[in-house]
Amino acid sequence: MIKLERCGKPKELTEALEDELTQTYKETGKSVWDKSYIKKALLQFSHNKCCYCEAIIKEESKFMEVDHFYCKSLYPDKVVEWANLLPSCKKCNGQKRNHDVGEFPIINPTVDNPQDYLYFEDYRYKSKDKNTKGQKTINVLNLNDIDRLVTPRYEVGNKIHEKLKDIDKFLDSFSVNDNDVENGNYIVNAVRDLMKLALPEREYSAIVATTILKDYDFEVIRSKMTKYKLWSDELTELECKAKNICLLKHRAE
């Protein structure tokens, strides 16, 4: 889960239409929020991902659902309120069901920064807050489902660990004195491509960013690349972006 910046509501969703759709829902129970312009706008600010588990979803996919943060059964007046709508995968939305976030708050990634409440350990979300908001989020959304989420996170993390080890070994054979431009470019490109996997628009970006920044090999690689003058401003910028979304027990400096 990463912090998301909500875009402005779709121009089609005027106040008059909101009132009309809300009344229609109250009278008929119809899915008045199931509009292509609503889904498109939601996916725009979530990078085509579920706002909770970060799985890739698409507007035309049966796995994409409009989540009402304040559930529609308890808060019908918010059924098409733009600030109440979030893009969710079918699984997360199904887990959340009619949970009352007004009575028992969970993280709203467009309002809260998940870094304040959650961290990753052993490819599982853990809560760092004392008021249980983080733990409540984990429990309600079942964010540590073994088959659906923990196993894919492990597979992603393991590939990252292996790639970092390969880059570090390659660095050991690199000699700046030989003016080895070809291999120097290979190293820079390999690290850049890996760190781009931690950009907010990539699937499971929070776990990727966290895995990279926690890996000791990454620290070694950065140190060696700095020594060989291979570390660039672009890589520094990518590292900063990873720090902005990683879920460490203590904030990355």
Foldseek 3Di string as FASTA:
>chain_A
DFAWAQDDQDPVCDPVVLVVLLVVCVVPVDLSCLDLSLQVRQCVRQLQAAVQQQHHHDNPDPQKDWAQQQDCVVCSSCSPPSVRTHIHTNLQSVLLPNPHCVVVNADDSHVDGCLQFWADDLQAIDGLDPVCNNVVSCNSRVNVDPPPGSVVLVVLLVVLLVLLVVLLVLLVPDDLVVVCPVSLVVSLVSLLVQLVCLASSHGPNQSSLQSLVPDPSNVVSVVSCVVSVSDDPSSVVSNVNSQNTHRHSDRDD
